[in-house]
Protein backbone atom coordinates (compact mmCIF):
# COMPACT_ATOMS: atom_id res chain seq x y z
CA THR A 1 121.49 51.73 109.16
CA GLU A 2 123.62 49.04 110.80
CA ALA A 3 125.68 51.68 112.65
CA ARG A 4 122.50 53.31 113.89
CA GLU A 5 121.04 49.98 115.02
CA ARG A 6 124.26 49.21 116.91
CA ARG A 7 124.04 52.68 118.47
CA ILE A 8 127.39 53.62 116.98
CA VAL A 9 125.71 56.56 115.25
CA ARG A 10 123.01 58.64 116.92
CA PHE A 11 121.10 61.64 115.61
CA GLU A 12 120.10 64.68 117.67
CA ILE A 13 118.06 67.58 116.32
CA GLY A 14 119.38 70.91 117.52
CA HIS A 15 117.76 73.23 115.01
CA PRO A 16 117.08 76.72 116.45
CA LEU A 17 113.41 76.43 115.45
CA GLU A 18 112.97 73.33 117.62
CA GLN A 19 114.71 75.10 120.50
CA SER A 20 112.24 77.96 120.12
CA PHE A 21 109.32 75.51 120.30
CA GLU A 22 110.63 74.25 123.62
CA VAL A 23 110.89 77.79 124.98
CA GLU A 24 107.37 78.55 123.76
CA ARG A 25 106.05 75.54 125.65
CA ALA A 26 107.93 76.63 128.78
CA LEU A 27 106.51 80.17 128.58
CA LYS A 28 102.96 78.91 128.16
CA LYS A 29 103.34 76.58 131.12
CA ARG A 30 104.92 79.10 133.49
CA PHE A 31 102.65 82.05 132.76
CA GLY A 32 99.50 80.25 131.65
CA LEU A 33 99.58 81.91 128.23
CA PRO A 34 97.06 80.97 125.53
CA HIS A 35 99.80 81.32 122.91
CA ALA A 36 103.51 82.12 122.80
CA TRP A 37 105.64 82.75 119.73
CA VAL A 38 109.42 82.86 120.11
CA ALA A 39 111.80 83.90 117.35
CA ALA A 40 115.11 82.02 117.38
CA SER A 41 118.08 84.14 118.47
CA THR A 42 121.42 84.01 116.68
CA GLU A 43 124.51 86.20 116.59
CA GLU A 44 123.11 87.93 113.50
CA SER A 45 119.62 88.33 114.97
CA ASN A 46 117.55 91.41 114.31
CA PRO A 47 114.80 91.16 116.97
CA ALA A 48 112.63 93.88 115.44
CA ARG A 49 112.53 92.04 112.13
CA GLU A 50 112.29 88.52 113.51
CA VAL A 51 109.79 89.12 116.33
CA GLY A 52 107.77 91.39 114.05
CA ALA A 53 107.70 88.65 111.42
CA ILE A 54 106.67 85.89 113.83
CA ALA A 55 103.87 88.07 115.25
CA ALA A 56 102.73 89.01 111.74
CA GLU A 57 102.60 85.32 110.84
CA ALA A 58 100.49 84.64 113.94
CA ILE A 59 98.04 87.34 112.83
CA SER A 60 97.84 85.99 109.29
CA GLN A 61 97.09 82.51 110.68
CA ALA A 62 94.52 83.67 113.23
CA GLY A 63 92.79 86.28 111.10
CA GLY A 64 90.75 86.25 107.93
CA PRO A 65 88.89 88.35 105.34
CA HIS A 66 86.42 89.69 107.92
CA SER A 67 88.81 90.25 110.82
CA MET A 68 88.88 93.36 112.97
CA VAL A 69 92.39 94.22 114.22
CA ALA A 70 93.11 96.83 116.91
CA LEU A 71 96.49 98.55 117.18
CA SER A 72 98.27 100.46 119.90
CA ASN A 73 101.51 102.32 119.09
CA GLY A 74 105.29 102.06 119.48
CA THR A 75 108.27 100.40 117.83
CA SER A 76 107.19 96.81 118.49
CA VAL A 77 103.75 97.36 116.91
CA ALA A 78 105.47 99.11 114.00
CA ALA A 79 107.71 96.04 113.55
CA VAL A 80 104.65 93.82 113.21
CA VAL A 81 103.06 96.12 110.63
CA ALA A 82 106.32 96.34 108.64
CA ASN A 83 106.52 92.55 108.44
CA MET A 84 102.87 91.87 107.68
CA PRO A 85 102.50 90.04 104.36
CA ARG A 86 100.10 91.31 101.71
CA MET A 87 96.66 89.80 102.23
CA GLN A 88 93.34 89.99 100.44
CA TRP A 89 91.15 90.63 103.45
CA SER A 90 88.82 93.01 101.66
CA ARG A 91 86.33 93.27 104.51
CA SER A 92 88.87 93.56 107.31
CA VAL A 93 88.98 96.67 109.50
CA VAL A 94 91.94 98.04 111.44
CA VAL A 95 90.90 100.02 114.51
CA GLN A 96 92.88 102.63 116.41
CA MET A 97 92.79 101.79 120.13
CA ILE A 98 94.80 104.73 121.42
CA GLY A 99 95.07 108.45 120.67
CA SER A 100 97.74 110.01 118.50
CA LEU A 101 101.19 111.03 119.71
CA GLY A 102 101.22 113.85 117.16
CA GLY A 103 104.21 115.63 115.68
CA THR A 104 106.87 114.30 113.34
CA ASP A 105 109.15 112.67 115.93
CA HIS A 106 106.80 109.71 116.43
CA HIS A 107 105.26 109.60 112.96
CA LEU A 108 106.42 106.09 112.10
CA VAL A 109 105.26 104.57 115.40
CA ASP A 110 102.03 106.53 115.84
CA SER A 111 98.76 104.62 115.93
CA PRO A 112 96.96 106.45 113.05
CA GLU A 113 99.85 105.85 110.65
CA LEU A 114 100.23 102.22 111.77
CA CYS A 115 96.50 101.60 111.27
CA ARG A 116 96.66 103.10 107.80
CA SER A 117 99.71 101.01 106.87
CA LEU A 118 98.29 97.75 108.21
CA ALA A 119 94.94 98.30 106.46
CA HIS A 120 96.84 98.79 103.19
CA ARG A 121 98.72 95.52 103.70
CA LEU A 122 95.58 93.61 104.62
CA GLY A 123 93.62 95.06 101.72
CA GLY A 124 90.88 96.38 104.00
CA THR A 125 89.89 99.65 105.66
CA PHE A 126 90.86 101.44 108.86
CA ARG A 127 89.06 103.48 111.48
CA PRO A 128 91.16 106.26 113.05
CA TRP A 129 90.14 109.11 115.31
CA PRO A 130 91.92 112.49 115.43
CA LEU A 131 92.52 112.90 119.15
CA PRO A 132 95.77 113.03 121.15
CA ILE A 133 96.74 110.18 123.44
CA ILE A 134 96.80 112.48 126.46
CA VAL A 135 94.80 115.69 126.82
CA SER A 136 95.22 118.68 129.10
CA SER A 137 92.78 117.72 131.87
CA ALA A 138 90.56 114.97 133.22
CA GLN A 139 87.49 117.03 132.28
CA THR A 140 88.63 117.27 128.67
CA ALA A 141 89.24 113.52 128.57
CA LYS A 142 85.77 112.76 129.93
CA ALA A 143 84.17 114.99 127.33
CA ALA A 144 86.21 113.44 124.51
CA LEU A 145 85.37 109.90 125.59
CA ARG A 146 81.67 110.76 125.41
CA GLU A 147 81.95 111.66 121.73
CA GLU A 148 80.12 109.08 119.64
CA MET A 149 83.00 108.51 117.21
CA VAL A 150 85.48 107.88 120.03
CA LEU A 151 83.04 105.80 122.05
CA THR A 152 82.18 103.62 119.05
CA THR A 153 85.77 103.14 117.93
CA LEU A 154 86.97 102.16 121.41
CA GLU A 155 84.11 99.69 121.72
CA LEU A 156 85.02 98.18 118.36
CA ALA A 157 88.65 97.89 119.53
CA ALA A 158 87.56 96.10 122.69
CA ARG A 159 85.54 93.63 120.61
CA SER A 160 88.17 93.10 117.94
CA ASP A 161 89.36 89.69 116.82
CA ILE A 162 93.03 90.56 117.29
CA ALA A 163 94.82 93.35 119.18
CA VAL A 164 98.52 94.18 119.05
CA VAL A 165 100.20 96.11 121.86
CA GLY A 166 103.70 96.83 123.06
CA VAL A 167 104.88 97.56 126.58
CA GLY A 168 106.99 100.39 127.92
CA ALA A 169 109.53 99.91 130.69
CA VAL A 170 109.60 102.30 133.64
CA GLY A 171 113.04 103.47 134.65
CA ARG A 172 114.36 105.09 137.78
CA GLY A 173 112.47 108.08 139.07
CA GLY A 174 109.29 107.10 137.21
CA SER A 175 110.65 107.73 133.73
CA SER A 176 108.48 105.92 131.17
CA GLY A 177 110.35 106.22 127.88
CA THR A 178 110.12 108.51 124.88
CA ILE A 179 106.45 108.01 124.00
CA LEU A 180 105.13 109.40 127.28
CA LYS A 181 108.05 111.78 127.88
CA PRO A 182 106.19 114.98 126.84
CA PHE A 183 103.54 114.30 129.48
CA LEU A 184 105.77 113.27 132.38
CA THR A 185 105.82 116.22 134.73
CA ALA A 186 107.66 116.04 138.05
CA ARG A 187 104.31 115.33 139.74
CA VAL A 188 103.44 112.47 137.40
CA ASN A 189 106.92 110.96 137.69
CA ASP A 190 106.58 111.09 141.46
CA GLU A 191 103.20 109.32 141.29
CA ILE A 192 104.69 106.60 139.08
CA ARG A 193 107.71 106.19 141.35
CA ARG A 194 105.62 105.97 144.53
CA SER A 195 103.32 103.39 142.92
CA ARG A 196 106.39 101.25 142.09
CA ALA A 197 105.23 100.85 138.50
CA VAL A 198 107.50 98.86 136.21
CA ALA A 199 105.48 98.87 132.99
CA HIS A 200 103.02 100.92 131.00
CA VAL A 201 100.54 99.97 128.29
CA SER A 202 98.47 102.52 126.40
CA GLY A 203 99.31 105.24 128.90
CA HIS A 204 98.40 103.14 131.94
CA HIS A 205 100.95 101.85 134.45
CA PHE A 206 101.32 98.46 136.17
CA ASP A 207 103.38 97.29 139.13
CA ALA A 208 105.51 94.15 139.29
CA ARG A 209 102.52 92.05 140.39
CA GLY A 210 100.52 93.04 137.33
CA ARG A 211 98.22 95.41 139.17
CA HIS A 212 97.03 98.56 137.43
CA VAL A 213 98.22 101.61 139.36
CA HIS A 214 96.18 104.76 139.03
CA THR A 215 97.95 108.04 138.34
CA SER A 216 96.68 111.44 137.26
CA LEU A 217 97.84 110.49 133.76
CA CYS A 218 95.13 107.80 133.60
CA ASP A 219 92.40 110.44 133.90
CA ARG A 220 93.80 112.34 130.91
CA THR A 221 94.46 109.36 128.62
CA ILE A 222 92.39 108.72 125.50
CA ALA A 223 92.72 105.00 124.92
CA MET A 224 90.97 101.71 125.33
CA PRO A 225 91.42 100.70 128.99
CA PRO A 226 94.02 97.91 129.11
CA GLN A 227 91.66 95.76 131.19
CA ARG A 228 89.49 95.42 128.09
CA LEU A 229 92.24 93.52 126.31
CA ALA A 230 90.73 90.51 128.06
CA ASP A 231 87.61 90.97 125.88
CA VAL A 232 89.60 90.74 122.63
CA GLY A 233 89.68 87.44 120.78
CA LEU A 234 93.50 87.33 120.55
CA PRO A 235 95.40 90.11 122.36
CA ILE A 236 99.11 89.88 121.51
CA LEU A 237 101.89 91.54 123.47
CA VAL A 238 104.92 92.10 121.23
CA ALA A 239 108.14 92.93 123.08
CA TRP A 240 111.80 92.01 123.34
CA GLY A 241 115.06 93.10 124.95
CA VAL A 242 116.73 92.99 128.36
CA SER A 243 115.31 96.38 129.32
CA LYS A 244 111.76 95.08 128.79
CA VAL A 245 112.00 91.87 130.85
CA ALA A 246 110.59 93.33 134.10
CA ALA A 247 107.80 95.08 132.18
CA ILE A 248 106.85 91.97 130.20
CA HIS A 249 106.94 89.86 133.36
CA ALA A 250 104.57 92.31 135.08
CA LEU A 251 102.02 92.08 132.28
CA MET A 252 102.23 88.30 132.38
CA GLN A 253 100.90 88.60 135.96
CA ALA A 254 98.00 90.85 134.92
CA ASP A 255 94.66 89.28 134.10
CA LEU A 256 94.57 90.54 130.51
CA GLY A 257 94.45 87.25 128.58
CA LEU A 258 97.61 88.19 126.71
CA SER A 259 99.61 86.00 124.37
CA LEU A 260 103.28 86.86 123.85
CA ALA A 261 105.56 87.30 120.83
CA THR A 262 109.22 87.76 121.71
CA ASP A 263 112.69 86.46 120.90
CA GLU A 264 114.51 83.51 122.40
CA ALA A 265 117.00 85.57 124.41
CA THR A 266 114.23 87.59 126.08
CA ALA A 267 112.11 84.48 126.66
CA LYS A 268 114.93 82.71 128.50
CA LEU A 269 115.42 85.74 130.73
CA LEU A 270 111.69 85.79 131.46
CA LEU A 271 111.72 82.15 132.50
CA THR A 272 114.35 82.80 135.17
CA TYR A 273 113.30 86.31 136.18
CA GLU A 274 112.32 87.00 139.76
CA PRO A 275 111.12 90.55 140.62
């Protein structure tokens, strides 16, 4: 005590958790986010596990026995579901907000399977719909979106208490990752490239300024329009990694009311990123 009073000994807190809190505050201030959750990064970090866990904890804190939760698809959403603790939300409902990828290649990251798994963990029910994410033509999409089951489910998703989405990065030549790969014809890739899109959410693309860019893929997509994320009580973007920085930054510019769950390394890159 005497050494401390004489300022011979001083204490500084450098715990990684406290560092993460500082980064969270910086993210919220820079991008005007309602919430930000940052998992501490270490040499042994596993971002999928740690970001998934911190997002799952945010859901468990924000939700309750009567919550409605909407899910998109992809590895980041799957990480959240895998880390969701067992709850007793008997009247909760998990809603599919995007069509199915189909096939066995994407089984573990497909929206119907993720909805089923999350509902099991929450102790509630789920509401899927058996339609592909992208159909053959705009006419087919219009007809499908008029179906009462699809219409009702998408409206429920838009009015949900919590929504969880990931973001895809757009590479050179308009390439938009493995999820959309089967649908990316040369024409669509050219449209994406000419629009200067850097990100995609639920089959819809955005440029670096957060503006939705219309492509022919939009007219064939069966999903809740990303603009309706702003109607959700707590829409959470879950994403991490150097390759996703430009895409995350773009969505931070969009008027979607998003909160962000990421890791410390990605967050620090975001804070200094300039498109």
